[in-house]
Amino acid sequence: MWPHIRTVLVTLHLIAITLLALPAPEGGMDRQSWQNPTVQEELHAWTQTLNSCGIAITQPELEDRLWTFAQSYMAIRSEVLQPFLPYYHYCGTFQGWRMFVGPHRYPLVLHIEVAEHGQWRPIYVERDAQYRWRARQLNSYRFRAVLFRLGWPGYEGELKRLAHWVATEAARDFPEAEQVRLRFYQRRTPSPDEVRAGAPITGEFGPALEVPLRRQP
């Protein structure tokens, strides 16, 4: 009997992990995140591709149809996965991350600054060799994945927790500082032609998150 039981168990396991591994926009089911320039650029490219194939559709129409389809797909997927959730939980077989769906054309760069005597100065800039405060932690490959998420809608709480951790560390390392500020600089990655031509990289800062520094007694 054991070979038959083992075959059934292995088959159920394969079904369970295959269903969970099917593509799903779990992190993208926030309509606000679809307004990100990278997402809008992808939608624009697909709209042009469909138009060139003789399919008349506008970018807003394509976005609305994809959103409707994604909602239906995720609802069906949730129902299908429901019986397997205890197995995923107790065996630790959840799919913790997704494969990349396309290049991030508008990446965010974290800037951390401290205010000393009323003047702001940078102490950390992501991937910058000059400003490397706490770079051992912040430049870690695991931390980079966290920073990527914090630039998207829906992670405001996580960003605040990071800011309070930064404030705690900065209060020890910069005795003259009164505040710490976190903000992301967003710019479009240049095309190959722009790189060859030496075109300047321009962008803009998003909203800043400022935290007062509290000294430990």
N, C-alpha and C. Protein backbone atom coordinates (compact mmCIF):
# COMPACT_ATOMS: atom_id res chain seq x y z
N MET A 1 0.82 -1.22 0.00
CA MET A 1 0.00 0.00 0.00
C MET A 1 0.86 1.27 0.00
N TRP A 2 2.05 1.19 0.60
CA TRP A 2 2.83 2.40 0.76
C TRP A 2 3.19 3.06 -0.58
N PRO A 3 3.61 2.29 -1.62
CA PRO A 3 3.89 2.95 -2.91
C PRO A 3 2.69 3.72 -3.46
N HIS A 4 1.48 3.20 -3.26
CA HIS A 4 0.30 3.92 -3.75
C HIS A 4 0.04 5.18 -2.95
N ILE A 5 0.20 5.08 -1.62
CA ILE A 5 0.01 6.25 -0.76
C ILE A 5 1.03 7.32 -1.10
N ARG A 6 2.27 6.89 -1.29
CA ARG A 6 3.34 7.84 -1.62
C ARG A 6 3.05 8.53 -2.95
N THR A 7 2.55 7.78 -3.92
CA THR A 7 2.21 8.37 -5.22
C THR A 7 1.13 9.43 -5.07
N VAL A 8 0.12 9.16 -4.26
CA VAL A 8 -0.95 10.13 -4.04
C VAL A 8 -0.41 11.38 -3.36
N LEU A 9 0.44 11.20 -2.35
CA LEU A 9 0.98 12.34 -1.61
C LEU A 9 1.87 13.21 -2.51
N VAL A 10 2.71 12.56 -3.29
CA VAL A 10 3.59 13.31 -4.20
C VAL A 10 2.76 14.06 -5.24
N THR A 11 1.72 13.42 -5.75
CA THR A 11 0.85 14.07 -6.74
C THR A 11 0.16 15.28 -6.15
N LEU A 12 -0.36 15.14 -4.92
CA LEU A 12 -1.01 16.28 -4.27
C LEU A 12 -0.03 17.42 -4.02
N HIS A 13 1.18 17.06 -3.65
CA HIS A 13 2.21 18.08 -3.42
C HIS A 13 2.51 18.83 -4.72
N LEU A 14 2.67 18.11 -5.81
CA LEU A 14 2.95 18.76 -7.09
C LEU A 14 1.80 19.66 -7.53
N ILE A 15 0.58 19.19 -7.31
CA ILE A 15 -0.58 20.03 -7.66
C ILE A 15 -0.59 21.30 -6.82
N ALA A 16 -0.32 21.15 -5.52
CA ALA A 16 -0.36 22.29 -4.61
C ALA A 16 0.67 23.35 -4.98
N ILE A 17 1.92 22.94 -5.20
CA ILE A 17 2.95 23.93 -5.48
C ILE A 17 2.82 24.50 -6.89
N THR A 18 2.29 23.70 -7.83
CA THR A 18 2.09 24.21 -9.19
C THR A 18 1.02 25.28 -9.21
N LEU A 19 -0.08 25.06 -8.50
CA LEU A 19 -1.14 26.06 -8.44
C LEU A 19 -0.64 27.36 -7.83
N LEU A 20 0.15 27.23 -6.77
CA LEU A 20 0.64 28.43 -6.10
C LEU A 20 1.68 29.16 -6.94
N ALA A 21 2.37 28.43 -7.81
CA ALA A 21 3.41 29.04 -8.64
C ALA A 21 2.87 29.69 -9.91
N LEU A 22 1.60 29.51 -10.22
CA LEU A 22 1.04 30.15 -11.40
C LEU A 22 1.14 31.67 -11.27
N PRO A 23 1.44 32.37 -12.36
CA PRO A 23 1.61 33.83 -12.29
C PRO A 23 0.38 34.50 -11.68
N ALA A 24 0.64 35.47 -10.80
CA ALA A 24 -0.44 36.20 -10.15
C ALA A 24 0.08 37.56 -9.70
N PRO A 25 -0.64 38.62 -10.01
CA PRO A 25 -0.20 39.97 -9.63
C PRO A 25 -0.56 40.31 -8.19
N GLU A 26 -0.10 39.49 -7.25
CA GLU A 26 -0.50 39.69 -5.85
C GLU A 26 -0.10 41.07 -5.34
N GLY A 27 1.12 41.50 -5.66
CA GLY A 27 1.56 42.79 -5.17
C GLY A 27 1.05 43.96 -5.99
N GLY A 28 0.34 43.66 -7.08
CA GLY A 28 -0.12 44.73 -7.96
C GLY A 28 -1.60 44.98 -7.94
N MET A 29 -2.32 44.38 -6.98
CA MET A 29 -3.76 44.58 -6.92
C MET A 29 -4.12 45.83 -6.11
N ASP A 30 -3.45 46.89 -6.44
CA ASP A 30 -3.73 48.21 -5.89
C ASP A 30 -3.75 49.15 -7.09
N ARG A 31 -4.91 49.66 -7.42
CA ARG A 31 -5.04 50.45 -8.65
C ARG A 31 -4.13 51.67 -8.62
N GLN A 32 -3.85 52.17 -7.45
CA GLN A 32 -2.96 53.33 -7.37
C GLN A 32 -1.57 53.01 -7.87
N SER A 33 -1.09 51.79 -7.61
CA SER A 33 0.25 51.42 -8.05
C SER A 33 0.35 51.34 -9.57
N TRP A 34 -0.78 51.20 -10.26
CA TRP A 34 -0.77 51.15 -11.72
C TRP A 34 -0.46 52.51 -12.33
N GLN A 35 -0.51 53.57 -11.52
CA GLN A 35 -0.16 54.89 -12.02
C GLN A 35 1.34 55.15 -11.99
N ASN A 36 2.11 54.18 -11.47
CA ASN A 36 3.55 54.31 -11.48
C ASN A 36 4.04 54.48 -12.92
N PRO A 37 5.01 55.37 -13.17
CA PRO A 37 5.47 55.59 -14.54
C PRO A 37 5.93 54.33 -15.26
N THR A 38 6.55 53.41 -14.53
CA THR A 38 7.01 52.17 -15.16
C THR A 38 5.82 51.36 -15.68
N VAL A 39 4.76 51.25 -14.86
CA VAL A 39 3.58 50.51 -15.27
C VAL A 39 2.91 51.20 -16.46
N GLN A 40 2.78 52.52 -16.39
CA GLN A 40 2.16 53.25 -17.48
C GLN A 40 2.94 53.11 -18.78
N GLU A 41 4.26 53.06 -18.67
CA GLU A 41 5.08 52.88 -19.87
C GLU A 41 4.87 51.49 -20.48
N GLU A 42 4.73 50.47 -19.62
CA GLU A 42 4.44 49.12 -20.12
C GLU A 42 3.08 49.08 -20.82
N LEU A 43 2.08 49.71 -20.21
CA LEU A 43 0.75 49.75 -20.83
C LEU A 43 0.79 50.48 -22.17
N HIS A 44 1.57 51.54 -22.23
CA HIS A 44 1.68 52.28 -23.49
C HIS A 44 2.32 51.40 -24.57
N ALA A 45 3.37 50.67 -24.20
CA ALA A 45 4.05 49.80 -25.17
C ALA A 45 3.11 48.70 -25.68
N TRP A 46 2.33 48.10 -24.74
CA TRP A 46 1.40 47.05 -25.16
C TRP A 46 0.27 47.62 -26.02
N THR A 47 -0.17 48.83 -25.72
CA THR A 47 -1.20 49.45 -26.54
C THR A 47 -0.71 49.64 -27.96
N GLN A 48 0.52 50.11 -28.11
CA GLN A 48 1.09 50.29 -29.44
C GLN A 48 1.23 48.96 -30.17
N THR A 49 1.64 47.92 -29.44
CA THR A 49 1.80 46.60 -30.06
C THR A 49 0.46 46.08 -30.56
N LEU A 50 -0.57 46.19 -29.74
CA LEU A 50 -1.90 45.72 -30.14
C LEU A 50 -2.43 46.52 -31.33
N ASN A 51 -2.21 47.83 -31.31
CA ASN A 51 -2.66 48.67 -32.43
C ASN A 51 -1.95 48.28 -33.73
N SER A 52 -0.66 47.95 -33.61
CA SER A 52 0.08 47.57 -34.81
C SER A 52 -0.38 46.23 -35.36
N CYS A 53 -1.02 45.41 -34.51
CA CYS A 53 -1.57 44.12 -34.95
C CYS A 53 -3.01 44.24 -35.44
N GLY A 54 -3.51 45.45 -35.53
CA GLY A 54 -4.86 45.66 -36.03
C GLY A 54 -5.94 45.67 -34.97
N ILE A 55 -5.55 45.66 -33.69
CA ILE A 55 -6.52 45.70 -32.60
C ILE A 55 -6.65 47.14 -32.13
N ALA A 56 -7.80 47.74 -32.37
CA ALA A 56 -8.02 49.14 -32.00
C ALA A 56 -8.40 49.23 -30.53
N ILE A 57 -7.51 49.78 -29.74
CA ILE A 57 -7.76 49.93 -28.31
C ILE A 57 -6.91 51.08 -27.79
N THR A 58 -7.45 51.85 -26.87
CA THR A 58 -6.69 52.94 -26.26
C THR A 58 -6.03 52.44 -24.98
N GLN A 59 -5.08 53.22 -24.49
CA GLN A 59 -4.39 52.81 -23.26
C GLN A 59 -5.34 52.75 -22.06
N PRO A 60 -6.23 53.74 -21.85
CA PRO A 60 -7.17 53.62 -20.73
C PRO A 60 -8.08 52.40 -20.86
N GLU A 61 -8.51 52.07 -22.09
CA GLU A 61 -9.36 50.88 -22.28
C GLU A 61 -8.59 49.61 -21.94
N LEU A 62 -7.34 49.53 -22.37
CA LEU A 62 -6.52 48.36 -22.06
C LEU A 62 -6.32 48.22 -20.56
N GLU A 63 -6.05 49.33 -19.89
CA GLU A 63 -5.85 49.29 -18.44
C GLU A 63 -7.12 48.82 -17.73
N ASP A 64 -8.28 49.33 -18.13
CA ASP A 64 -9.54 48.93 -17.50
C ASP A 64 -9.82 47.44 -17.71
N ARG A 65 -9.57 46.95 -18.92
CA ARG A 65 -9.83 45.53 -19.20
C ARG A 65 -8.88 44.63 -18.41
N LEU A 66 -7.62 45.04 -18.33
CA LEU A 66 -6.66 44.24 -17.57
C LEU A 66 -7.01 44.23 -16.08
N TRP A 67 -7.49 45.38 -15.57
CA TRP A 67 -7.86 45.44 -14.16
C TRP A 67 -9.05 44.53 -13.87
N THR A 68 -10.03 44.55 -14.75
CA THR A 68 -11.21 43.69 -14.58
C THR A 68 -10.81 42.22 -14.64
N PHE A 69 -9.96 41.87 -15.60
CA PHE A 69 -9.49 40.49 -15.72
C PHE A 69 -8.69 40.07 -14.49
N ALA A 70 -7.81 40.96 -14.01
CA ALA A 70 -6.99 40.63 -12.85
C ALA A 70 -7.85 40.38 -11.61
N GLN A 71 -8.88 41.17 -11.43
CA GLN A 71 -9.77 40.98 -10.29
C GLN A 71 -10.48 39.63 -10.37
N SER A 72 -10.99 39.27 -11.54
CA SER A 72 -11.66 37.98 -11.70
C SER A 72 -10.69 36.83 -11.51
N TYR A 73 -9.52 36.96 -12.10
CA TYR A 73 -8.51 35.90 -12.00
C TYR A 73 -8.10 35.67 -10.55
N MET A 74 -7.85 36.76 -9.80
CA MET A 74 -7.42 36.62 -8.42
C MET A 74 -8.52 36.02 -7.54
N ALA A 75 -9.78 36.34 -7.84
CA ALA A 75 -10.89 35.78 -7.07
C ALA A 75 -10.99 34.27 -7.30
N ILE A 76 -10.85 33.84 -8.56
CA ILE A 76 -10.89 32.40 -8.85
C ILE A 76 -9.68 31.71 -8.24
N ARG A 77 -8.53 32.32 -8.36
CA ARG A 77 -7.31 31.73 -7.80
C ARG A 77 -7.42 31.54 -6.29
N SER A 78 -8.01 32.52 -5.62
CA SER A 78 -8.18 32.43 -4.17
C SER A 78 -9.06 31.24 -3.79
N GLU A 79 -10.13 31.01 -4.55
CA GLU A 79 -11.02 29.89 -4.28
C GLU A 79 -10.31 28.55 -4.51
N VAL A 80 -9.51 28.48 -5.58
CA VAL A 80 -8.81 27.23 -5.91
C VAL A 80 -7.77 26.90 -4.85
N LEU A 81 -7.08 27.91 -4.33
CA LEU A 81 -6.01 27.68 -3.37
C LEU A 81 -6.51 27.45 -1.94
N GLN A 82 -7.75 27.80 -1.68
CA GLN A 82 -8.27 27.73 -0.32
C GLN A 82 -8.06 26.37 0.34
N PRO A 83 -8.34 25.22 -0.32
CA PRO A 83 -8.16 23.93 0.35
C PRO A 83 -6.71 23.61 0.69
N PHE A 84 -5.75 24.26 -0.01
CA PHE A 84 -4.34 23.95 0.20
C PHE A 84 -3.67 24.87 1.22
N LEU A 85 -4.36 25.89 1.71
CA LEU A 85 -3.74 26.87 2.61
C LEU A 85 -3.16 26.24 3.87
N PRO A 86 -3.86 25.28 4.54
CA PRO A 86 -3.24 24.65 5.71
C PRO A 86 -1.93 23.93 5.36
N TYR A 87 -1.88 23.31 4.19
CA TYR A 87 -0.65 22.62 3.77
C TYR A 87 0.48 23.62 3.57
N TYR A 88 0.19 24.73 2.90
CA TYR A 88 1.21 25.75 2.70
C TYR A 88 1.71 26.28 4.04
N HIS A 89 0.78 26.46 4.97
CA HIS A 89 1.14 27.05 6.27
C HIS A 89 2.02 26.12 7.09
N TYR A 90 1.61 24.88 7.25
CA TYR A 90 2.33 23.97 8.14
C TYR A 90 3.59 23.38 7.51
N CYS A 91 3.66 23.35 6.19
CA CYS A 91 4.85 22.81 5.52
C CYS A 91 5.79 23.91 5.02
N GLY A 92 5.38 25.14 5.14
CA GLY A 92 6.25 26.24 4.73
C GLY A 92 6.48 26.30 3.24
N THR A 93 5.48 25.98 2.45
CA THR A 93 5.66 25.94 1.00
C THR A 93 5.00 27.12 0.29
N PHE A 94 4.85 28.24 0.99
CA PHE A 94 4.34 29.44 0.33
C PHE A 94 5.35 29.95 -0.69
N GLN A 95 4.86 30.58 -1.74
CA GLN A 95 5.72 31.23 -2.73
C GLN A 95 5.97 32.64 -2.23
N GLY A 96 7.18 32.88 -1.72
CA GLY A 96 7.45 34.13 -1.04
C GLY A 96 7.77 35.31 -1.95
N TRP A 97 8.10 35.08 -3.21
CA TRP A 97 8.44 36.20 -4.08
C TRP A 97 8.11 35.84 -5.52
N ARG A 98 8.05 36.85 -6.35
CA ARG A 98 7.64 36.69 -7.74
C ARG A 98 8.81 36.95 -8.68
N MET A 99 8.76 36.33 -9.84
CA MET A 99 9.76 36.62 -10.86
C MET A 99 9.51 38.01 -11.43
N PHE A 100 10.56 38.59 -12.01
CA PHE A 100 10.46 39.92 -12.58
C PHE A 100 9.62 39.89 -13.85
N VAL A 101 8.73 40.85 -13.99
CA VAL A 101 7.86 40.89 -15.17
C VAL A 101 8.38 41.87 -16.22
N GLY A 102 9.32 42.72 -15.86
CA GLY A 102 9.84 43.70 -16.81
C GLY A 102 10.82 44.63 -16.12
N PRO A 103 11.58 45.40 -16.88
CA PRO A 103 12.54 46.32 -16.27
C PRO A 103 11.84 47.47 -15.57
N HIS A 104 12.41 47.87 -14.45
CA HIS A 104 11.87 49.01 -13.71
C HIS A 104 12.52 50.27 -14.28
N ARG A 105 11.79 50.97 -15.17
CA ARG A 105 12.36 52.10 -15.89
C ARG A 105 12.42 53.38 -15.07
N TYR A 106 11.74 53.42 -13.94
CA TYR A 106 11.76 54.62 -13.09
C TYR A 106 12.13 54.22 -11.66
N PRO A 107 13.36 53.76 -11.46
CA PRO A 107 13.75 53.29 -10.12
C PRO A 107 13.84 54.44 -9.12
N LEU A 108 13.74 54.07 -7.85
CA LEU A 108 13.83 55.03 -6.76
C LEU A 108 15.16 54.86 -6.03
N VAL A 109 15.75 55.97 -5.64
CA VAL A 109 17.02 55.97 -4.92
C VAL A 109 16.78 56.60 -3.55
N LEU A 110 17.07 55.86 -2.49
CA LEU A 110 16.85 56.36 -1.13
C LEU A 110 17.93 57.36 -0.74
N HIS A 111 17.49 58.50 -0.20
CA HIS A 111 18.38 59.52 0.37
C HIS A 111 18.04 59.66 1.85
N ILE A 112 19.06 59.63 2.69
CA ILE A 112 18.89 59.88 4.13
C ILE A 112 19.74 61.08 4.50
N GLU A 113 19.11 62.03 5.20
CA GLU A 113 19.80 63.26 5.59
C GLU A 113 19.53 63.55 7.06
N VAL A 114 20.44 64.27 7.68
CA VAL A 114 20.24 64.73 9.05
C VAL A 114 20.29 66.26 9.06
N ALA A 115 19.52 66.83 9.97
CA ALA A 115 19.51 68.29 10.16
C ALA A 115 20.37 68.62 11.36
N GLU A 116 21.41 69.41 11.13
CA GLU A 116 22.31 69.86 12.20
C GLU A 116 22.37 71.38 12.18
N HIS A 117 21.95 71.99 13.30
CA HIS A 117 21.92 73.45 13.41
C HIS A 117 21.11 74.09 12.28
N GLY A 118 20.00 73.43 11.95
CA GLY A 118 19.08 73.97 10.94
C GLY A 118 19.47 73.70 9.51
N GLN A 119 20.55 72.96 9.28
CA GLN A 119 20.99 72.67 7.92
C GLN A 119 20.94 71.16 7.65
N TRP A 120 20.35 70.80 6.50
CA TRP A 120 20.29 69.39 6.12
C TRP A 120 21.58 69.00 5.38
N ARG A 121 22.05 67.79 5.70
CA ARG A 121 23.19 67.26 4.95
C ARG A 121 23.00 65.76 4.75
N PRO A 122 23.40 65.25 3.58
CA PRO A 122 23.20 63.82 3.30
C PRO A 122 24.20 62.96 4.07
N ILE A 123 23.72 61.81 4.52
CA ILE A 123 24.61 60.84 5.17
C ILE A 123 24.59 59.49 4.45
N TYR A 124 23.50 59.24 3.71
CA TYR A 124 23.42 58.01 2.94
C TYR A 124 22.65 58.27 1.66
N VAL A 125 23.23 57.81 0.54
CA VAL A 125 22.56 57.82 -0.75
C VAL A 125 22.75 56.43 -1.34
N GLU A 126 21.66 55.80 -1.68
CA GLU A 126 21.70 54.42 -2.17
C GLU A 126 22.63 54.29 -3.38
N ARG A 127 23.57 53.33 -3.29
CA ARG A 127 24.53 53.02 -4.34
C ARG A 127 25.45 54.20 -4.66
N ASP A 128 25.72 55.03 -3.67
CA ASP A 128 26.64 56.16 -3.84
C ASP A 128 27.87 55.91 -2.98
N ALA A 129 29.05 56.00 -3.57
CA ALA A 129 30.28 55.69 -2.84
C ALA A 129 30.66 56.76 -1.85
N GLN A 130 30.08 57.94 -1.95
CA GLN A 130 30.45 59.05 -1.06
C GLN A 130 29.66 59.04 0.24
N TYR A 131 28.38 58.72 0.17
CA TYR A 131 27.52 58.78 1.36
C TYR A 131 27.15 57.34 1.74
N ARG A 132 27.87 56.81 2.72
CA ARG A 132 27.77 55.38 3.00
C ARG A 132 27.44 55.08 4.47
N TRP A 133 26.74 55.98 5.14
CA TRP A 133 26.36 55.71 6.53
C TRP A 133 25.47 54.45 6.58
N ARG A 134 25.80 53.54 7.47
CA ARG A 134 25.08 52.27 7.64
C ARG A 134 24.96 51.50 6.33
N ALA A 135 25.95 51.68 5.46
CA ALA A 135 25.89 51.02 4.15
C ALA A 135 25.96 49.50 4.27
N ARG A 136 26.60 49.02 5.33
CA ARG A 136 26.69 47.57 5.50
C ARG A 136 25.32 46.93 5.58
N GLN A 137 24.38 47.61 6.27
CA GLN A 137 23.01 47.09 6.34
C GLN A 137 22.19 47.51 5.12
N LEU A 138 22.23 48.80 4.79
CA LEU A 138 21.34 49.33 3.77
C LEU A 138 21.69 48.86 2.37
N ASN A 139 22.95 48.52 2.13
CA ASN A 139 23.36 48.04 0.80
C ASN A 139 23.28 46.53 0.66
N SER A 140 22.86 45.86 1.72
CA SER A 140 22.72 44.41 1.65
C SER A 140 21.72 44.02 0.57
N TYR A 141 21.97 42.89 -0.08
CA TYR A 141 21.06 42.46 -1.14
C TYR A 141 19.66 42.19 -0.60
N ARG A 142 19.56 41.79 0.66
CA ARG A 142 18.25 41.59 1.25
C ARG A 142 17.55 42.93 1.51
N PHE A 143 18.32 43.92 1.90
CA PHE A 143 17.73 45.22 2.19
C PHE A 143 17.31 45.92 0.90
N ARG A 144 18.01 45.67 -0.20
CA ARG A 144 17.64 46.31 -1.46
C ARG A 144 16.23 45.91 -1.89
N ALA A 145 15.87 44.66 -1.64
CA ALA A 145 14.51 44.22 -1.96
C ALA A 145 13.48 44.98 -1.12
N VAL A 146 13.82 45.26 0.14
CA VAL A 146 12.92 46.02 1.01
C VAL A 146 12.76 47.44 0.48
N LEU A 147 13.87 48.08 0.13
CA LEU A 147 13.83 49.46 -0.36
C LEU A 147 13.02 49.56 -1.64
N PHE A 148 13.10 48.55 -2.49
CA PHE A 148 12.31 48.56 -3.72
C PHE A 148 10.82 48.61 -3.41
N ARG A 149 10.38 47.82 -2.44
CA ARG A 149 8.96 47.79 -2.11
C ARG A 149 8.48 49.10 -1.49
N LEU A 150 9.35 49.73 -0.69
CA LEU A 150 8.93 50.92 0.03
C LEU A 150 8.58 52.09 -0.88
N GLY A 151 9.00 52.04 -2.12
CA GLY A 151 8.67 53.11 -3.03
C GLY A 151 7.31 52.97 -3.69
N TRP A 152 6.59 51.88 -3.41
CA TRP A 152 5.29 51.64 -4.03
C TRP A 152 4.17 51.93 -3.03
N PRO A 153 2.98 52.28 -3.52
CA PRO A 153 1.84 52.50 -2.61
C PRO A 153 1.52 51.23 -1.82
N GLY A 154 1.05 51.43 -0.60
CA GLY A 154 0.69 50.30 0.24
C GLY A 154 1.73 49.92 1.26
N TYR A 155 2.91 50.55 1.20
CA TYR A 155 3.98 50.21 2.14
C TYR A 155 4.34 51.40 3.03
N GLU A 156 3.37 52.30 3.24
CA GLU A 156 3.65 53.47 4.05
C GLU A 156 4.00 53.10 5.49
N GLY A 157 3.33 52.09 6.04
CA GLY A 157 3.63 51.67 7.41
C GLY A 157 5.04 51.13 7.54
N GLU A 158 5.48 50.33 6.57
CA GLU A 158 6.83 49.79 6.60
C GLU A 158 7.87 50.90 6.47
N LEU A 159 7.57 51.92 5.65
CA LEU A 159 8.49 53.04 5.50
C LEU A 159 8.64 53.80 6.82
N LYS A 160 7.54 53.96 7.54
CA LYS A 160 7.62 54.65 8.83
C LYS A 160 8.45 53.85 9.83
N ARG A 161 8.32 52.53 9.81
CA ARG A 161 9.13 51.71 10.71
C ARG A 161 10.61 51.82 10.37
N LEU A 162 10.92 51.85 9.07
CA LEU A 162 12.32 52.04 8.67
C LEU A 162 12.82 53.40 9.14
N ALA A 163 12.00 54.44 9.00
CA ALA A 163 12.41 55.77 9.40
C ALA A 163 12.70 55.84 10.90
N HIS A 164 11.90 55.15 11.70
CA HIS A 164 12.14 55.18 13.15
C HIS A 164 13.40 54.38 13.52
N TRP A 165 13.69 53.31 12.78
CA TRP A 165 14.95 52.59 13.01
C TRP A 165 16.13 53.47 12.64
N VAL A 166 16.02 54.17 11.50
CA VAL A 166 17.08 55.08 11.07
C VAL A 166 17.28 56.18 12.11
N ALA A 167 16.17 56.71 12.65
CA ALA A 167 16.27 57.77 13.65
C ALA A 167 16.98 57.29 14.90
N THR A 168 16.70 56.06 15.32
CA THR A 168 17.35 55.51 16.51
C THR A 168 18.86 55.40 16.30
N GLU A 169 19.26 54.90 15.13
CA GLU A 169 20.69 54.75 14.84
C GLU A 169 21.36 56.11 14.65
N ALA A 170 20.69 57.03 13.98
CA ALA A 170 21.27 58.34 13.73
C ALA A 170 21.44 59.14 15.01
N ALA A 171 20.54 58.97 15.96
CA ALA A 171 20.64 59.68 17.23
C ALA A 171 21.93 59.32 17.95
N ARG A 172 22.41 58.08 17.78
CA ARG A 172 23.66 57.66 18.42
C ARG A 172 24.87 58.14 17.64
N ASP A 173 24.77 58.17 16.32
CA ASP A 173 25.94 58.45 15.49
C ASP A 173 26.15 59.93 15.21
N PHE A 174 25.09 60.74 15.37
CA PHE A 174 25.20 62.17 15.05
C PHE A 174 24.67 62.99 16.23
N PRO A 175 25.51 63.23 17.22
CA PRO A 175 25.05 63.91 18.45
C PRO A 175 24.49 65.30 18.21
N GLU A 176 24.90 65.98 17.14
CA GLU A 176 24.44 67.34 16.88
C GLU A 176 23.16 67.40 16.06
N ALA A 177 22.68 66.27 15.59
CA ALA A 177 21.52 66.26 14.70
C ALA A 177 20.22 66.39 15.48
N GLU A 178 19.26 67.12 14.89
CA GLU A 178 17.95 67.28 15.52
C GLU A 178 16.88 66.44 14.83
N GLN A 179 17.03 66.21 13.53
CA GLN A 179 16.04 65.45 12.76
C GLN A 179 16.75 64.58 11.74
N VAL A 180 16.03 63.58 11.28
CA VAL A 180 16.49 62.77 10.16
C VAL A 180 15.39 62.77 9.10
N ARG A 181 15.79 62.75 7.85
CA ARG A 181 14.84 62.83 6.74
C ARG A 181 15.11 61.72 5.73
N LEU A 182 14.04 61.01 5.34
CA LEU A 182 14.11 60.00 4.31
C LEU A 182 13.27 60.46 3.12
N ARG A 183 13.81 60.31 1.93
CA ARG A 183 13.05 60.62 0.72
C ARG A 183 13.65 59.84 -0.45
N PHE A 184 12.82 59.61 -1.45
CA PHE A 184 13.24 58.86 -2.63
C PHE A 184 13.38 59.79 -3.82
N TYR A 185 14.45 59.59 -4.54
CA TYR A 185 14.68 60.33 -5.79
C TYR A 185 14.34 59.40 -6.94
N GLN A 186 13.43 59.83 -7.82
CA GLN A 186 12.98 59.00 -8.93
C GLN A 186 13.43 59.60 -10.25
N ARG A 187 14.01 58.73 -11.11
CA ARG A 187 14.42 59.19 -12.42
C ARG A 187 14.28 58.05 -13.41
N ARG A 188 14.10 58.39 -14.66
CA ARG A 188 13.99 57.37 -15.70
C ARG A 188 15.36 56.88 -16.11
N THR A 189 15.51 55.57 -16.25
CA THR A 189 16.78 55.03 -16.72
C THR A 189 16.98 55.43 -18.17
N PRO A 190 18.17 55.87 -18.53
CA PRO A 190 18.39 56.35 -19.89
C PRO A 190 18.42 55.20 -20.89
N SER A 191 18.10 55.52 -22.13
CA SER A 191 18.18 54.54 -23.22
C SER A 191 19.64 54.38 -23.64
N PRO A 192 19.98 53.34 -24.40
CA PRO A 192 21.36 53.19 -24.88
C PRO A 192 21.85 54.41 -25.65
N ASP A 193 20.98 54.99 -26.48
CA ASP A 193 21.38 56.17 -27.24
C ASP A 193 21.68 57.35 -26.32
N GLU A 194 20.88 57.51 -25.27
CA GLU A 194 21.12 58.60 -24.32
C GLU A 194 22.41 58.40 -23.54
N VAL A 195 22.72 57.14 -23.22
CA VAL A 195 23.98 56.87 -22.52
C VAL A 195 25.17 57.20 -23.42
N ARG A 196 25.11 56.77 -24.68
CA ARG A 196 26.20 57.05 -25.60
C ARG A 196 26.38 58.54 -25.84
N ALA A 197 25.26 59.28 -25.82
CA ALA A 197 25.34 60.72 -26.06
C ALA A 197 25.71 61.50 -24.80
N GLY A 198 25.80 60.83 -23.67
CA GLY A 198 26.13 61.51 -22.42
C GLY A 198 25.03 62.41 -21.91
N ALA A 199 23.79 62.07 -22.20
CA ALA A 199 22.66 62.88 -21.76
C ALA A 199 22.56 62.88 -20.24
N PRO A 200 22.27 64.01 -19.62
CA PRO A 200 22.16 64.07 -18.16
C PRO A 200 20.96 63.27 -17.65
N ILE A 201 21.11 62.69 -16.46
CA ILE A 201 20.02 61.95 -15.84
C ILE A 201 19.28 62.91 -14.91
N THR A 202 18.02 63.13 -15.19
CA THR A 202 17.22 64.06 -14.40
C THR A 202 16.06 63.33 -13.74
N GLY A 203 15.62 63.85 -12.63
CA GLY A 203 14.50 63.26 -11.90
C GLY A 203 13.99 64.24 -10.87
N GLU A 204 13.27 63.73 -9.88
CA GLU A 204 12.72 64.59 -8.84
C GLU A 204 12.53 63.79 -7.56
N PHE A 205 12.52 64.50 -6.44
CA PHE A 205 12.31 63.89 -5.14
C PHE A 205 10.81 63.75 -4.87
N GLY A 206 10.46 62.65 -4.24
CA GLY A 206 9.11 62.45 -3.76
C GLY A 206 8.93 63.08 -2.39
N PRO A 207 7.77 62.88 -1.77
CA PRO A 207 7.53 63.45 -0.43
C PRO A 207 8.56 62.95 0.57
N ALA A 208 8.95 63.84 1.47
CA ALA A 208 9.95 63.50 2.49
C ALA A 208 9.27 63.06 3.78
N LEU A 209 9.93 62.16 4.49
CA LEU A 209 9.45 61.69 5.79
C LEU A 209 10.48 62.12 6.82
N GLU A 210 10.10 63.05 7.70
CA GLU A 210 11.02 63.59 8.70
C GLU A 210 10.66 63.06 10.08
N VAL A 211 11.70 62.70 10.83
CA VAL A 211 11.51 62.16 12.18
C VAL A 211 12.44 62.87 13.13
N PRO A 212 11.92 63.44 14.22
CA PRO A 212 12.81 64.08 15.20
C PRO A 212 13.62 63.02 15.94
N LEU A 213 14.87 63.42 16.30
CA LEU A 213 15.74 62.49 17.00
C LEU A 213 15.57 62.64 18.50
N ARG A 214 15.35 61.53 19.16
CA ARG A 214 15.18 61.52 20.60
C ARG A 214 16.40 60.85 21.22
N ARG A 215 17.04 61.58 22.11
CA ARG A 215 18.26 61.08 22.75
C ARG A 215 17.91 60.09 23.85
N GLN A 216 18.71 59.05 23.94
CA GLN A 216 18.53 58.08 25.02
C GLN A 216 19.06 58.68 26.32
N PRO A 217 18.33 58.50 27.43
CA PRO A 217 18.80 59.07 28.69
C PRO A 217 20.07 58.39 29.17
